[in-house]
Amino acid sequence: MIIKIFISFFLIALAETINGILRVKFLYKKIGIKKAKITSFLIGSIVIITLNLILVPWISPQTVVDAFFIGFIWMSMMIAYDLYVGKVLFRLSWKKIFEDFNILKGNFLGIGMGFIFVLPYFILLLKS
């Protein structure tokens, strides 16, 4: 199960990275930052739901604990990945990185991480 969780994480990270690139390169210019963030969040949510519908049955959690374990690992790895990309690749300040998680500033990353955490549980319920 662990290897499938890690393989799945890479697919999720790739999809979300592409979503982020499209948001910054295209949507910011076309519809503005605020609308782009909302649009990107909605697109990202659809992508995450779709991937979960495929990946969670493939991983095959047997219990609620397994499902939350999957979500916890994915969320933890995504947070680590986002921190790494922000700090190392883009050389952003910690303040700017943590602002991305702040819903009060119009950012949805924190909500997205919570979504990643709970979605395997809901997929397990749906598939049961």
Protein backbone atom coordinates (compact mmCIF):
# COMPACT_ATOMS: atom_id res chain seq x y z
CA MET A 1 0.00 0.00 0.00
CA ILE A 2 2.82 2.44 0.84
CA ILE A 3 4.39 2.23 -2.63
CA LYS A 4 0.99 2.91 -4.24
CA ILE A 5 0.51 5.92 -1.93
CA PHE A 6 3.86 7.38 -3.01
CA ILE A 7 3.24 6.72 -6.72
CA SER A 8 -0.17 8.35 -6.36
CA PHE A 9 1.35 11.34 -4.60
CA PHE A 10 3.63 11.98 -7.56
CA LEU A 11 0.64 11.98 -9.90
CA ILE A 12 -1.23 14.39 -7.63
CA ALA A 13 1.81 16.65 -7.29
CA LEU A 14 2.32 16.66 -11.06
CA ALA A 15 -1.32 17.55 -11.70
CA GLU A 16 -1.30 20.33 -9.09
CA THR A 17 2.01 21.69 -10.39
CA ILE A 18 0.58 21.91 -13.90
CA ASN A 19 -2.52 23.61 -12.47
CA GLY A 20 -0.31 26.15 -10.68
CA ILE A 21 1.76 26.85 -13.78
CA LEU A 22 -1.38 27.40 -15.87
CA ARG A 23 -2.80 29.73 -13.19
CA VAL A 24 0.33 31.89 -13.06
CA LYS A 25 1.22 31.87 -16.76
CA PHE A 26 -2.23 32.24 -18.27
CA LEU A 27 -5.10 32.85 -15.87
CA TYR A 28 -3.50 35.73 -13.93
CA LYS A 29 -3.14 37.71 -17.16
CA LYS A 30 -6.52 36.80 -18.62
CA ILE A 31 -8.89 37.11 -15.66
CA GLY A 32 -6.85 38.67 -12.84
CA ILE A 33 -5.28 37.20 -9.75
CA LYS A 34 -8.39 36.89 -7.55
CA LYS A 35 -10.54 35.16 -10.18
CA ALA A 36 -7.57 33.06 -11.27
CA LYS A 37 -7.08 31.74 -7.74
CA ILE A 38 -10.76 30.77 -7.48
CA THR A 39 -10.78 29.19 -10.94
CA SER A 40 -7.55 27.33 -10.25
CA PHE A 41 -8.91 26.07 -6.92
CA LEU A 42 -12.04 24.74 -8.63
CA ILE A 43 -10.04 23.11 -11.43
CA GLY A 44 -7.61 21.65 -8.90
CA SER A 45 -10.51 20.29 -6.85
CA ILE A 46 -11.98 18.56 -9.89
CA VAL A 47 -8.58 17.10 -10.74
CA ILE A 48 -8.05 15.87 -7.16
CA ILE A 49 -11.52 14.31 -7.03
CA THR A 50 -10.95 12.58 -10.36
CA LEU A 51 -7.53 11.29 -9.30
CA ASN A 52 -8.96 10.10 -5.98
CA LEU A 53 -11.76 8.24 -7.74
CA ILE A 54 -9.09 6.35 -9.70
CA LEU A 55 -6.26 6.08 -7.17
CA VAL A 56 -8.02 5.29 -3.88
CA PRO A 57 -9.64 2.07 -5.22
CA TRP A 58 -6.26 1.13 -6.73
CA ILE A 59 -4.55 1.61 -3.36
CA SER A 60 -7.43 -0.34 -1.82
CA PRO A 61 -7.74 0.92 1.75
CA GLN A 62 -9.61 -1.59 3.89
CA THR A 63 -10.58 0.61 6.83
CA VAL A 64 -11.37 4.21 7.70
CA VAL A 65 -7.94 4.39 9.37
CA ASP A 66 -6.30 3.31 6.08
CA ALA A 67 -8.19 6.02 4.19
CA PHE A 68 -7.19 8.74 6.64
CA PHE A 69 -3.62 7.41 6.59
CA ILE A 70 -3.55 7.85 2.80
CA GLY A 71 -4.95 11.36 3.10
CA PHE A 72 -2.50 12.26 5.87
CA ILE A 73 0.51 11.04 3.87
CA TRP A 74 -0.66 12.87 0.73
CA MET A 75 -1.37 16.08 2.64
CA SER A 76 1.95 15.94 4.49
CA MET A 77 3.90 15.32 1.31
CA MET A 78 2.04 18.09 -0.54
CA ILE A 79 2.79 20.56 2.24
CA ALA A 80 6.45 19.54 2.19
CA TYR A 81 6.49 19.79 -1.61
CA ASP A 82 4.87 23.24 -1.58
CA LEU A 83 7.31 24.48 1.05
CA TYR A 84 10.25 23.10 -0.93
CA VAL A 85 9.11 24.60 -4.23
CA GLY A 86 8.37 27.97 -2.64
CA LYS A 87 11.56 28.25 -0.62
CA VAL A 88 14.16 26.44 -2.74
CA LEU A 89 12.97 26.76 -6.33
CA PHE A 90 11.23 30.14 -6.21
CA ARG A 91 13.27 31.55 -3.29
CA LEU A 92 10.19 33.06 -1.66
CA SER A 93 10.20 34.38 1.89
CA TRP A 94 8.58 32.26 4.57
CA LYS A 95 6.01 35.02 4.99
CA LYS A 96 4.99 34.77 1.32
CA ILE A 97 4.93 30.98 1.44
CA PHE A 98 2.67 30.91 4.50
CA GLU A 99 0.39 33.56 2.97
CA ASP A 100 -0.49 30.98 0.30
CA PHE A 101 -2.22 28.98 3.05
CA ASN A 102 -4.19 31.97 4.38
CA ILE A 103 -7.84 31.97 3.28
CA LEU A 104 -8.25 35.47 4.75
CA LYS A 105 -5.84 36.74 2.09
CA GLY A 106 -7.83 35.08 -0.71
CA ASN A 107 -5.64 31.99 -0.92
CA PHE A 108 -6.99 28.46 -0.97
CA LEU A 109 -3.94 26.25 -0.41
CA GLY A 110 -4.90 25.48 3.20
CA ILE A 111 -8.39 24.42 2.15
CA GLY A 112 -6.90 22.32 -0.64
CA MET A 113 -4.66 20.52 1.83
CA GLY A 114 -7.62 19.72 4.06
CA PHE A 115 -9.47 18.47 1.00
CA ILE A 116 -6.55 16.18 0.09
CA PHE A 117 -6.61 14.81 3.65
CA VAL A 118 -10.33 13.90 3.84
CA LEU A 119 -11.09 12.90 0.27
CA PRO A 120 -9.76 9.30 0.46
CA TYR A 121 -12.18 8.73 3.34
CA PHE A 122 -15.15 9.95 1.27
CA ILE A 123 -14.03 7.87 -1.72
CA LEU A 124 -13.84 4.81 0.56
CA LEU A 125 -17.40 5.50 1.75
CA LEU A 126 -18.57 5.99 -1.83
CA LYS A 127 -16.98 2.75 -3.01
CA SER A 128 -18.25 0.69 -0.04
